[in-house]
Every structure is written in C-alpha cells, then in structure tokens.
C-alpha cells in the first residue's frame, strides 16, 4: 500500500541506496522511502557499486568514519550526479565533510525523511502552514 504518494512520483524512477552498518536503520529508511522511490537497502559500499548509480546515496556516519579520508570526493568522482546525505545520530555542521549535501538525523519521522529526500532529489516540496486555533478568552 502506498501512503501519501503523489501520482507523479509513483511513475518516476529515482534510485536511492541506503548504505549503513546498522541493518535496522537501513530497513527503516528503505520502508519509509520505498513508496516514492526505488530504494535499495545495501550493507556495504562495495555492494552499492555493483548495483549501478543512485540518484541519492544515504550514507551512514559509521560507514564514513570507517572509510579512508576523502570518501565523499571519491563517490562524487564515481557517481558525478549523485547527491549524498549523511545518516547521523545528531547533527553538528562541523562534522559534515565537504561533498555531503545534507544530513538525516534520528529520530526518523516519515514526514521529515521524505521531505529531506525530496529536497535532495530536486522535487517540489509543499510548504503547508499548519494553523492552530486558539480559544478566545471568555467575555
């Protein structure tokens, strides 16, 4: 069942690779994104290289930390048009390396993950303003 999927996105073929050491994180993000995208749960970068080129790479901070320095630049050379988002427990802009286009932080919510991914894929993101009614004081 596709929940909250626009028709134009259902026929679009955007590929996302979720590469992280944590299988639960991969599964959660794959589940959240599978309705709108062709999403692949991939445990290692070597396996990702075999699958071809993604439009967006969601890269676990642990994978980045374990890799040799300059990984984002190497990924950009291999997949020039691919956007890279870091999957992190917390966000600190001083730890985000050059070449990474965004950060997904825990806790994940369906709305925030899809919105951040849509921005990276160049999709229009609706900016609905939620209004809250406030009771007027008794007169």
C-alpha atoms as a PDB file:
ATOM      1  CA  UNK A   1       0.000   0.000   0.000  1.00  0.00           C
ATOM      2  CA  UNK A   2       1.307   3.440  -0.884  1.00  0.00           C
ATOM      3  CA  UNK A   3       0.601   6.036   1.762  1.00  0.00           C
ATOM      4  CA  UNK A   4       0.599   9.706   0.786  1.00  0.00           C
ATOM      5  CA  UNK A   5       2.236   9.190  -2.601  1.00  0.00           C
ATOM      6  CA  UNK A   6       1.642  11.642  -5.407  1.00  0.00           C
ATOM      7  CA  UNK A   7       0.838  10.088  -8.777  1.00  0.00           C
ATOM      8  CA  UNK A   8       3.779  11.807 -10.500  1.00  0.00           C
ATOM      9  CA  UNK A   9       6.221  10.254  -8.018  1.00  0.00           C
ATOM     10  CA  UNK A  10       4.756   6.770  -8.334  1.00  0.00           C
ATOM     11  CA  UNK A  11       5.822   6.605 -12.002  1.00  0.00           C
ATOM     12  CA  UNK A  12       9.133   8.406 -11.509  1.00  0.00           C
ATOM     13  CA  UNK A  13      12.194   6.202 -11.190  1.00  0.00           C
ATOM     14  CA  UNK A  14      14.510   7.804  -8.626  1.00  0.00           C
ATOM     15  CA  UNK A  15      17.064   5.374  -7.172  1.00  0.00           C
ATOM     16  CA  UNK A  16      18.161   5.630  -3.569  1.00  0.00           C
ATOM     17  CA  UNK A  17      20.814   3.488  -1.906  1.00  0.00           C
ATOM     18  CA  UNK A  18      20.774   3.275   1.886  1.00  0.00           C
ATOM     19  CA  UNK A  19      24.272   2.210   2.993  1.00  0.00           C
ATOM     20  CA  UNK A  20      24.761   1.780   6.733  1.00  0.00           C
ATOM     21  CA  UNK A  21      26.296  -0.751   9.111  1.00  0.00           C
ATOM     22  CA  UNK A  22      23.045  -0.848  11.089  1.00  0.00           C
ATOM     23  CA  UNK A  23      20.524  -3.161   9.449  1.00  0.00           C
ATOM     24  CA  UNK A  24      17.611  -1.680  11.386  1.00  0.00           C
ATOM     25  CA  UNK A  25      18.399   1.851  10.180  1.00  0.00           C
ATOM     26  CA  UNK A  26      18.633   0.596   6.601  1.00  0.00           C
ATOM     27  CA  UNK A  27      15.329  -1.251   6.880  1.00  0.00           C
ATOM     28  CA  UNK A  28      13.511   1.714   8.456  1.00  0.00           C
ATOM     29  CA  UNK A  29      14.693   4.177   5.811  1.00  0.00           C
ATOM     30  CA  UNK A  30      14.003   1.725   2.996  1.00  0.00           C
ATOM     31  CA  UNK A  31      10.466   1.229   4.314  1.00  0.00           C
ATOM     32  CA  UNK A  32       9.871   4.987   4.621  1.00  0.00           C
ATOM     33  CA  UNK A  33      11.093   5.728   1.104  1.00  0.00           C
ATOM     34  CA  UNK A  34      10.003   2.696  -0.936  1.00  0.00           C
ATOM     35  CA  UNK A  35       6.589   4.113  -1.900  1.00  0.00           C
ATOM     36  CA  UNK A  36       8.065   7.165  -3.646  1.00  0.00           C
ATOM     37  CA  UNK A  37      11.365   5.740  -4.899  1.00  0.00           C
ATOM     38  CA  UNK A  38      13.292   2.695  -5.998  1.00  0.00           C
ATOM     39  CA  UNK A  39      15.043   2.227  -2.650  1.00  0.00           C
ATOM     40  CA  UNK A  40      17.797  -0.302  -2.007  1.00  0.00           C
ATOM     41  CA  UNK A  41      18.941  -1.486   1.442  1.00  0.00           C
ATOM     42  CA  UNK A  42      22.684  -2.048   0.923  1.00  0.00           C
ATOM     43  CA  UNK A  43      25.040  -3.063   3.765  1.00  0.00           C
ATOM     44  CA  UNK A  44      28.339  -2.002   2.122  1.00  0.00           C
ATOM     45  CA  UNK A  45      29.621   0.419  -0.477  1.00  0.00           C
ATOM     46  CA  UNK A  46      31.132  -2.470  -2.441  1.00  0.00           C
ATOM     47  CA  UNK A  47      27.644  -3.919  -2.899  1.00  0.00           C
ATOM     48  CA  UNK A  48      26.323  -0.485  -3.827  1.00  0.00           C
ATOM     49  CA  UNK A  49      28.958  -0.174  -6.578  1.00  0.00           C
ATOM     50  CA  UNK A  50      27.626  -3.399  -8.120  1.00  0.00           C
ATOM     51  CA  UNK A  51      24.050  -2.057  -8.272  1.00  0.00           C
ATOM     52  CA  UNK A  52      24.826   0.891 -10.531  1.00  0.00           C
ATOM     53  CA  UNK A  53      24.329   4.616  -9.987  1.00  0.00           C
ATOM     54  CA  UNK A  54      21.851   6.018  -7.469  1.00  0.00           C
ATOM     55  CA  UNK A  55      20.234   9.439  -7.651  1.00  0.00           C
ATOM     56  CA  UNK A  56      20.713   9.749  -3.882  1.00  0.00           C
ATOM     57  CA  UNK A  57      23.066   7.939  -1.524  1.00  0.00           C
ATOM     58  CA  UNK A  58      22.100   7.820   2.150  1.00  0.00           C
ATOM     59  CA  UNK A  59      25.428   7.066   3.809  1.00  0.00           C
ATOM     60  CA  UNK A  60      25.741   6.010   7.441  1.00  0.00           C
ATOM     61  CA  UNK A  61      28.112   8.062   9.585  1.00  0.00           C
ATOM     62  CA  UNK A  62      29.717   4.809  10.769  1.00  0.00           C
ATOM     63  CA  UNK A  63      30.491   3.817   7.171  1.00  0.00           C
ATOM     64  CA  UNK A  64      32.005   7.240   6.530  1.00  0.00           C
ATOM     65  CA  UNK A  65      34.062   7.092   9.740  1.00  0.00           C
ATOM     66  CA  UNK A  66      35.428   3.632   8.879  1.00  0.00           C
ATOM     67  CA  UNK A  67      36.387   4.637   5.335  1.00  0.00           C
ATOM     68  CA  UNK A  68      39.596   6.269   4.271  1.00  0.00           C
ATOM     69  CA  UNK A  69      39.606  10.097   4.179  1.00  0.00           C
ATOM     70  CA  UNK A  70      38.090  11.756   1.122  1.00  0.00           C
ATOM     71  CA  UNK A  71      35.270   9.240   0.604  1.00  0.00           C
ATOM     72  CA  UNK A  72      32.682  11.857  -0.491  1.00  0.00           C
ATOM     73  CA  UNK A  73      35.072  13.118  -3.198  1.00  0.00           C
ATOM     74  CA  UNK A  74      35.680   9.558  -4.406  1.00  0.00           C
ATOM     75  CA  UNK A  75      31.946   8.903  -4.518  1.00  0.00           C
ATOM     76  CA  UNK A  76      31.420  12.146  -6.465  1.00  0.00           C
ATOM     77  CA  UNK A  77      34.046  11.054  -8.988  1.00  0.00           C
ATOM     78  CA  UNK A  78      32.396   7.648  -9.392  1.00  0.00           C
ATOM     79  CA  UNK A  79      28.798   8.972  -9.448  1.00  0.00           C
ATOM     80  CA  UNK A  80      29.032  12.645 -10.529  1.00  0.00           C
ATOM     81  CA  UNK A  81      25.313  13.486 -10.393  1.00  0.00           C
ATOM     82  CA  UNK A  82      24.547  11.593  -7.190  1.00  0.00           C
ATOM     83  CA  UNK A  83      23.572  13.558  -4.090  1.00  0.00           C
ATOM     84  CA  UNK A  84      24.928  12.311  -0.748  1.00  0.00           C
ATOM     85  CA  UNK A  85      23.154  12.557   2.604  1.00  0.00           C
ATOM     86  CA  UNK A  86      24.745  11.520   5.870  1.00  0.00           C
ATOM     87  CA  UNK A  87      22.741   9.369   8.298  1.00  0.00           C
ATOM     88  CA  UNK A  88      23.730  10.545  11.780  1.00  0.00           C
ATOM     89  CA  UNK A  89      22.573  10.256  15.370  1.00  0.00           C
ATOM     90  CA  UNK A  90      22.908  14.021  15.851  1.00  0.00           C
ATOM     91  CA  UNK A  91      23.636  16.993  13.629  1.00  0.00           C
ATOM     92  CA  UNK A  92      26.769  19.058  14.086  1.00  0.00           C
ATOM     93  CA  UNK A  93      27.734  21.007  10.973  1.00  0.00           C
ATOM     94  CA  UNK A  94      31.425  20.852  11.933  1.00  0.00           C
ATOM     95  CA  UNK A  95      31.465  17.073  11.415  1.00  0.00           C
ATOM     96  CA  UNK A  96      29.806  17.098   7.989  1.00  0.00           C
ATOM     97  CA  UNK A  97      32.545  16.660   5.379  1.00  0.00           C
ATOM     98  CA  UNK A  98      32.775  18.537   2.110  1.00  0.00           C
ATOM     99  CA  UNK A  99      30.803  16.769  -0.597  1.00  0.00           C
ATOM    100  CA  UNK A 100      27.915  15.763   1.641  1.00  0.00           C
ATOM    101  CA  UNK A 101      24.728  17.570   0.633  1.00  0.00           C
ATOM    102  CA  UNK A 102      22.557  17.004   3.702  1.00  0.00           C
ATOM    103  CA  UNK A 103      22.027  15.132   6.953  1.00  0.00           C
ATOM    104  CA  UNK A 104      19.273  12.802   8.171  1.00  0.00           C
ATOM    105  CA  UNK A 105      19.196  12.658  11.959  1.00  0.00           C
ATOM    106  CA  UNK A 106      17.448  10.366  14.384  1.00  0.00           C
ATOM    107  CA  UNK A 107      14.711  10.053  15.432  1.00  0.00           C
ATOM    108  CA  UNK A 108      13.336   9.491  11.935  1.00  0.00           C
ATOM    109  CA  UNK A 109       9.797  10.549  11.107  1.00  0.00           C
ATOM    110  CA  UNK A 110       8.096   9.676   7.844  1.00  0.00           C
ATOM    111  CA  UNK A 111       7.365  13.312   7.044  1.00  0.00           C
ATOM    112  CA  UNK A 112      10.850  14.683   7.788  1.00  0.00           C
ATOM    113  CA  UNK A 113      12.705  11.884   5.978  1.00  0.00           C
ATOM    114  CA  UNK A 114      10.544  12.144   2.860  1.00  0.00           C
ATOM    115  CA  UNK A 115      10.782  15.940   2.842  1.00  0.00           C
ATOM    116  CA  UNK A 116      14.593  15.977   3.141  1.00  0.00           C
ATOM    117  CA  UNK A 117      14.930  13.297   0.486  1.00  0.00           C
ATOM    118  CA  UNK A 118      12.570  15.152  -1.863  1.00  0.00           C
ATOM    119  CA  UNK A 119      14.669  18.305  -1.490  1.00  0.00           C
ATOM    120  CA  UNK A 120      17.829  16.381  -2.393  1.00  0.00           C
ATOM    121  CA  UNK A 121      16.126  14.824  -5.412  1.00  0.00           C
ATOM    122  CA  UNK A 122      15.043  18.253  -6.653  1.00  0.00           C
ATOM    123  CA  UNK A 123      11.369  17.659  -6.123  1.00  0.00           C
ATOM    124  CA  UNK A 124       8.988  20.430  -5.207  1.00  0.00           C
ATOM    125  CA  UNK A 125       8.167  20.277  -1.526  1.00  0.00           C
ATOM    126  CA  UNK A 126       4.867  21.708  -0.441  1.00  0.00           C
ATOM    127  CA  UNK A 127       5.199  24.194   2.337  1.00  0.00           C
ATOM    128  CA  UNK A 128       1.839  23.947   4.004  1.00  0.00           C
ATOM    129  CA  UNK A 129       1.478  26.054   7.070  1.00  0.00           C
ATOM    130  CA  UNK A 130      -0.333  24.357   9.888  1.00  0.00           C
ATOM    131  CA  UNK A 131      -2.605  26.714  11.782  1.00  0.00           C
ATOM    132  CA  UNK A 132      -3.612  26.112  15.332  1.00  0.00           C
ATOM    133  CA  UNK A 133      -6.858  27.553  16.629  1.00  0.00           C
ATOM    134  CA  UNK A 134      -6.587  29.338  19.915  1.00  0.00           C
ATOM    135  CA  UNK A 135      -9.642  29.700  22.107  1.00  0.00           C
ATOM    136  CA  UNK A 136     -10.550  33.322  22.666  1.00  0.00           C
ATOM    137  CA  UNK A 137     -10.889  34.445  26.271  1.00  0.00           C
ATOM    138  CA  UNK A 138     -14.360  34.412  27.779  1.00  0.00           C
ATOM    139  CA  UNK A 139     -16.151  37.758  27.712  1.00  0.00           C
END
